[in-house]
Amino acid sequence: MQSPVAFVSSMFNVAGGLRYHLAALRFRRTLWAPYTLQVAAILQQWPTAVAHLVIVGPSAGWHLNPEFLGRFAQVTAIEPDPIARWLLRWRFPLVHWQFDTSDYFTPYGSHNWTDNTLRLLHVYPDSAVLFANVLGQFIGLYPYAVAQEHHGELLESPTFTRWKLALTAALSERSWLSLHDRLSSDRPPVVTQVETASAQPSSQLAQTFWPENAQTIDHFTAGIGGAGQRRFVVWQRKPSMFHVIEAIGDRNQ
């Protein structure tokens, strides 16, 4: 059971929670619709045949669809937000949902950051894993760790680099897909999707989408998934906020 502090945090953190659900109700049929269609195409092309899907951070599944979820006999959502869990059941009533509220990504605690995350893969050893736009949200999910304990440098530290390498190595043994923030800006990008045959540093990616050197926010997810083909698509999250989302997984989806 979640503590009262964790319960409130899960409902109001800047990476999701109540404010995110309200934004979804406002924008999902307008600003969010093009990105949701792109996500549907990416998910359709994911060739996994595993019966059990673990979705990490789905929120209420605002960018998911019943056709994709219906491919799996069992779906487990790693989701601490109680409103999101209720909405998932309501929006996708035919899905056999199981829920896990554990925090597998905390930089706190007696175990190191890598061990905390790899525990997720050990708990669900035979599942396919979908990271639903969660790996680029650590600034919002753990603001005190980023701002106070590590002097704002948590996501640039060797510890975080080791975490990304360890996660990528562990995922090589299973079916997985991640959609995660790479960059965001309040300026509209000049392109809406790009496919590349290899990883790109954030500076180069920023020039591709914003060649006029617009100010961008780096979400420090470069390197997740290792080398190989990946797709970048744009999500207009708010009228004046645009996110470049990287999609990468097994078989270079």
Protein backbone atom coordinates (compact mmCIF):
# COMPACT_ATOMS: atom_id res chain seq x y z
CA MET A 1 0.00 0.00 0.00
CA GLN A 2 1.24 3.50 -0.85
CA SER A 3 2.07 5.91 1.94
CA PRO A 4 -0.07 9.10 2.12
CA VAL A 5 2.88 11.14 0.82
CA ALA A 6 3.43 8.79 -2.13
CA PHE A 7 -0.31 8.78 -2.85
CA VAL A 8 -0.51 12.57 -3.06
CA SER A 9 2.73 12.74 -5.06
CA SER A 10 1.44 10.25 -7.62
CA MET A 11 -1.70 12.33 -8.15
CA PHE A 12 -0.04 15.71 -8.55
CA ASN A 13 3.50 15.22 -9.88
CA VAL A 14 4.41 17.25 -12.95
CA ALA A 15 5.04 14.13 -15.05
CA GLY A 16 1.45 12.95 -14.74
CA GLY A 17 -1.40 12.74 -12.29
CA LEU A 18 -4.56 14.81 -12.12
CA ARG A 19 -3.27 17.77 -14.12
CA TYR A 20 -2.17 15.45 -16.90
CA HIS A 21 -5.60 13.79 -17.07
CA LEU A 22 -7.28 17.19 -17.30
CA ALA A 23 -4.93 18.16 -20.12
CA ALA A 24 -5.72 14.88 -21.87
CA LEU A 25 -9.45 15.54 -21.71
CA ARG A 26 -8.83 18.97 -23.19
CA PHE A 27 -6.34 18.12 -25.94
CA ARG A 28 -6.56 14.42 -26.84
CA ARG A 29 -8.89 14.96 -29.81
CA THR A 30 -7.06 18.07 -31.04
CA LEU A 31 -3.41 18.80 -30.25
CA TRP A 32 -2.63 15.23 -29.18
CA ALA A 33 -4.42 13.44 -32.03
CA PRO A 34 -1.56 13.45 -34.60
CA TYR A 35 0.89 12.04 -32.06
CA THR A 36 -1.59 9.40 -30.90
CA LEU A 37 -1.95 8.21 -34.51
CA GLN A 38 1.83 7.99 -34.84
CA VAL A 39 2.04 5.97 -31.63
CA ALA A 40 -0.64 3.61 -32.95
CA ALA A 41 1.42 3.01 -36.09
CA ILE A 42 4.57 2.34 -34.05
CA LEU A 43 2.75 -0.10 -31.77
CA GLN A 44 1.19 -1.89 -34.74
CA GLN A 45 4.66 -2.47 -36.20
CA TRP A 46 6.08 -3.86 -32.96
CA PRO A 47 6.39 -7.58 -33.76
CA THR A 48 6.18 -9.01 -30.26
CA ALA A 49 4.26 -12.27 -29.86
CA VAL A 50 4.65 -12.52 -26.06
CA ALA A 51 1.37 -13.14 -24.19
CA HIS A 52 2.14 -10.91 -21.19
CA LEU A 53 2.73 -7.17 -21.61
CA VAL A 54 4.13 -4.95 -18.87
CA ILE A 55 3.48 -1.25 -19.47
CA VAL A 56 5.66 1.06 -17.42
CA GLY A 57 4.02 4.40 -16.70
CA PRO A 58 0.94 4.20 -18.95
CA SER A 59 -1.02 6.86 -17.03
CA ALA A 60 -4.57 6.37 -18.33
CA GLY A 61 -3.36 5.07 -21.68
CA TRP A 62 -4.27 8.27 -23.48
CA HIS A 63 -2.04 7.33 -26.42
CA LEU A 64 -2.83 3.61 -26.38
CA ASN A 65 -5.60 1.79 -28.24
CA PRO A 66 -7.71 -1.32 -27.60
CA GLU A 67 -6.51 -3.08 -30.74
CA PHE A 68 -2.93 -3.06 -29.50
CA LEU A 69 -3.80 -4.06 -25.94
CA GLY A 70 -6.04 -6.83 -27.24
CA ARG A 71 -2.99 -8.65 -28.62
CA PHE A 72 -2.01 -9.71 -25.09
CA ALA A 73 -3.61 -12.26 -22.79
CA GLN A 74 -2.40 -10.37 -19.72
CA VAL A 75 -1.43 -6.73 -19.23
CA THR A 76 0.34 -5.42 -16.13
CA ALA A 77 0.54 -1.66 -15.61
CA ILE A 78 3.31 -0.24 -13.45
CA GLU A 79 1.31 2.80 -12.41
CA PRO A 80 1.22 4.54 -9.00
CA ASP A 81 -1.55 7.00 -9.90
CA PRO A 82 -4.92 5.72 -8.57
CA ILE A 83 -6.89 7.91 -10.97
CA ALA A 84 -4.93 6.49 -13.89
CA ARG A 85 -5.62 2.94 -12.77
CA TRP A 86 -9.35 3.63 -12.55
CA LEU A 87 -9.33 5.28 -15.98
CA LEU A 88 -7.44 2.36 -17.53
CA ARG A 89 -10.12 -0.04 -16.35
CA TRP A 90 -12.87 2.27 -17.56
CA ARG A 91 -11.32 3.05 -20.95
CA PHE A 92 -10.22 -0.52 -21.73
CA PRO A 93 -12.76 -2.79 -19.99
CA LEU A 94 -11.87 -5.89 -22.04
CA VAL A 95 -8.22 -5.87 -20.95
CA HIS A 96 -7.22 -8.26 -18.17
CA TRP A 97 -5.45 -5.64 -16.07
CA GLN A 98 -3.05 -6.25 -13.24
CA PHE A 99 -1.49 -3.33 -11.40
CA ASP A 100 1.84 -2.80 -9.69
CA THR A 101 2.44 0.43 -7.77
CA SER A 102 6.12 -0.23 -7.00
CA ASP A 103 8.70 2.43 -7.80
CA TYR A 104 11.37 0.67 -9.85
CA PHE A 105 13.16 3.88 -10.84
CA THR A 106 13.84 5.67 -7.60
CA PRO A 107 17.38 6.98 -7.05
CA TYR A 108 16.71 6.72 -3.30
CA GLY A 109 16.90 3.75 -0.96
CA SER A 110 19.30 1.06 0.13
CA HIS A 111 19.84 -0.31 -3.40
CA ASN A 112 21.55 1.60 -6.18
CA TRP A 113 19.61 3.10 -9.07
CA THR A 114 20.46 0.30 -11.50
CA ASP A 115 19.47 -2.46 -9.08
CA ASN A 116 16.12 -0.78 -8.43
CA THR A 117 15.26 -0.75 -12.14
CA LEU A 118 16.59 -4.20 -13.00
CA ARG A 119 14.36 -5.58 -10.26
CA LEU A 120 11.44 -4.78 -12.59
CA LEU A 121 12.81 -7.15 -15.23
CA HIS A 122 13.42 -9.84 -12.61
CA VAL A 123 9.87 -9.58 -11.27
CA TYR A 124 8.43 -10.01 -14.79
CA PRO A 125 10.96 -12.27 -16.53
CA ASP A 126 8.77 -13.57 -19.37
CA SER A 127 6.98 -10.41 -20.41
CA ALA A 128 7.31 -7.89 -23.17
CA VAL A 129 7.95 -4.40 -21.78
CA LEU A 130 6.56 -1.11 -23.06
CA PHE A 131 8.01 2.05 -21.51
CA ALA A 132 5.15 4.48 -22.11
CA ASN A 133 6.89 7.85 -22.18
CA VAL A 134 8.36 7.48 -18.71
CA LEU A 135 12.14 7.30 -19.16
CA GLY A 136 12.41 10.98 -20.03
CA GLN A 137 10.40 12.13 -17.01
CA PHE A 138 12.89 11.73 -14.18
CA ILE A 139 13.30 15.48 -13.72
CA GLY A 140 9.60 15.67 -12.90
CA LEU A 141 9.34 12.37 -11.04
CA TYR A 142 12.31 12.94 -8.71
CA PRO A 143 12.72 16.73 -8.48
CA TYR A 144 14.28 16.68 -5.02
CA ALA A 145 16.92 14.16 -6.04
CA VAL A 146 17.76 16.22 -9.09
CA ALA A 147 17.69 19.65 -7.47
CA GLN A 148 18.96 19.01 -3.97
CA GLU A 149 20.83 15.78 -3.40
CA HIS A 150 22.80 15.95 -6.62
CA HIS A 151 22.97 19.71 -7.15
CA GLY A 152 20.97 19.56 -10.37
CA GLU A 153 23.40 17.15 -12.02
CA LEU A 154 21.75 13.80 -11.31
CA LEU A 155 20.88 13.08 -14.95
CA GLU A 156 24.33 14.10 -16.18
CA SER A 157 26.18 11.97 -13.65
CA PRO A 158 28.18 8.78 -14.31
CA THR A 159 25.60 6.98 -12.16
CA PHE A 160 22.84 7.81 -14.63
CA THR A 161 25.02 6.83 -17.59
CA ARG A 162 25.69 3.46 -15.97
CA TRP A 163 21.96 3.07 -15.37
CA LYS A 164 21.19 3.63 -19.07
CA LEU A 165 23.88 1.15 -20.16
CA ALA A 166 22.70 -1.49 -17.68
CA LEU A 167 19.06 -1.09 -18.71
CA THR A 168 19.94 -1.37 -22.40
CA ALA A 169 21.99 -4.51 -21.79
CA ALA A 170 19.25 -6.15 -19.70
CA LEU A 171 16.59 -5.42 -22.31
CA SER A 172 18.60 -7.15 -25.04
CA GLU A 173 17.26 -10.50 -23.83
CA ARG A 174 13.58 -9.69 -24.27
CA SER A 175 10.93 -7.99 -26.38
CA TRP A 176 10.69 -4.30 -25.51
CA LEU A 177 9.78 -0.89 -26.83
CA SER A 178 10.28 2.57 -25.38
CA LEU A 179 8.77 5.89 -26.32
CA HIS A 180 10.49 8.62 -24.34
CA ASP A 181 11.21 12.33 -24.41
CA ARG A 182 14.50 13.34 -25.95
CA LEU A 183 13.98 17.09 -26.29
CA SER A 184 11.28 19.68 -25.76
CA SER A 185 10.85 23.34 -26.62
CA ASP A 186 8.25 26.09 -26.64
CA ARG A 187 9.06 26.69 -30.33
CA PRO A 188 7.31 24.62 -33.02
CA PRO A 189 9.72 22.28 -34.84
CA VAL A 190 10.26 22.48 -38.59
CA VAL A 191 9.73 18.72 -39.06
CA THR A 192 7.35 16.34 -37.29
CA GLN A 193 9.06 12.96 -37.74
CA VAL A 194 12.49 11.61 -38.61
CA GLU A 195 13.94 8.11 -38.89
CA THR A 196 17.66 7.54 -38.41
CA ALA A 197 19.85 4.48 -38.76
CA SER A 198 21.86 5.25 -35.64
CA ALA A 199 21.80 7.14 -32.36
CA GLN A 200 22.16 10.91 -32.46
CA PRO A 201 23.53 13.26 -29.80
CA SER A 202 21.00 15.71 -28.46
CA SER A 203 22.75 18.70 -30.03
CA GLN A 204 22.49 17.18 -33.50
CA LEU A 205 18.88 16.16 -32.93
CA ALA A 206 18.02 19.69 -31.84
CA GLN A 207 19.45 21.07 -35.07
CA THR A 208 17.31 18.65 -37.06
CA PHE A 209 14.07 19.77 -35.47
CA TRP A 210 14.89 23.37 -34.59
CA PRO A 211 17.57 24.61 -37.01
CA GLU A 212 17.26 28.21 -35.83
CA ASN A 213 18.86 27.30 -32.49
CA ALA A 214 15.69 27.51 -30.43
CA GLN A 215 16.11 26.94 -26.72
CA THR A 216 15.47 23.28 -25.95
CA ILE A 217 15.23 21.10 -22.85
CA ASP A 218 17.31 17.93 -22.89
CA HIS A 219 15.61 15.00 -21.14
CA PHE A 220 18.92 13.08 -20.92
CA THR A 221 17.67 9.90 -22.61
CA ALA A 222 20.34 9.79 -25.34
CA GLY A 223 21.89 6.33 -25.42
CA ILE A 224 18.90 4.34 -24.20
CA GLY A 225 18.54 1.34 -26.48
CA GLY A 226 22.08 1.49 -27.79
CA ALA A 227 22.80 1.67 -31.50
CA GLY A 228 20.35 0.96 -34.28
CA GLN A 229 17.42 2.47 -36.11
CA ARG A 230 15.00 4.67 -34.25
CA ARG A 231 12.10 6.94 -35.04
CA PHE A 232 11.52 10.45 -33.75
CA VAL A 233 8.04 11.96 -33.69
CA VAL A 234 6.66 15.22 -32.33
CA TRP A 235 4.03 15.48 -29.62
CA GLN A 236 2.47 18.90 -29.17
CA ARG A 237 1.65 18.54 -25.50
CA LYS A 238 0.35 22.09 -25.03
CA PRO A 239 -0.23 24.98 -27.44
CA SER A 240 3.28 26.26 -26.71
CA MET A 241 5.14 23.05 -25.80
CA PHE A 242 6.51 20.53 -28.28
CA HIS A 243 8.25 17.26 -27.38
CA VAL A 244 10.48 15.16 -29.62
CA ILE A 245 9.72 11.55 -28.69
CA GLU A 246 12.18 8.78 -29.51
CA ALA A 247 10.80 5.31 -30.31
CA ILE A 248 13.27 2.46 -30.08
CA GLY A 249 13.07 -1.18 -29.14
CA ASP A 250 13.98 -4.72 -30.06
CA ARG A 251 14.29 -5.33 -33.80
CA ASN A 252 14.95 -1.58 -34.08
CA GLN A 253 11.33 -0.49 -34.13
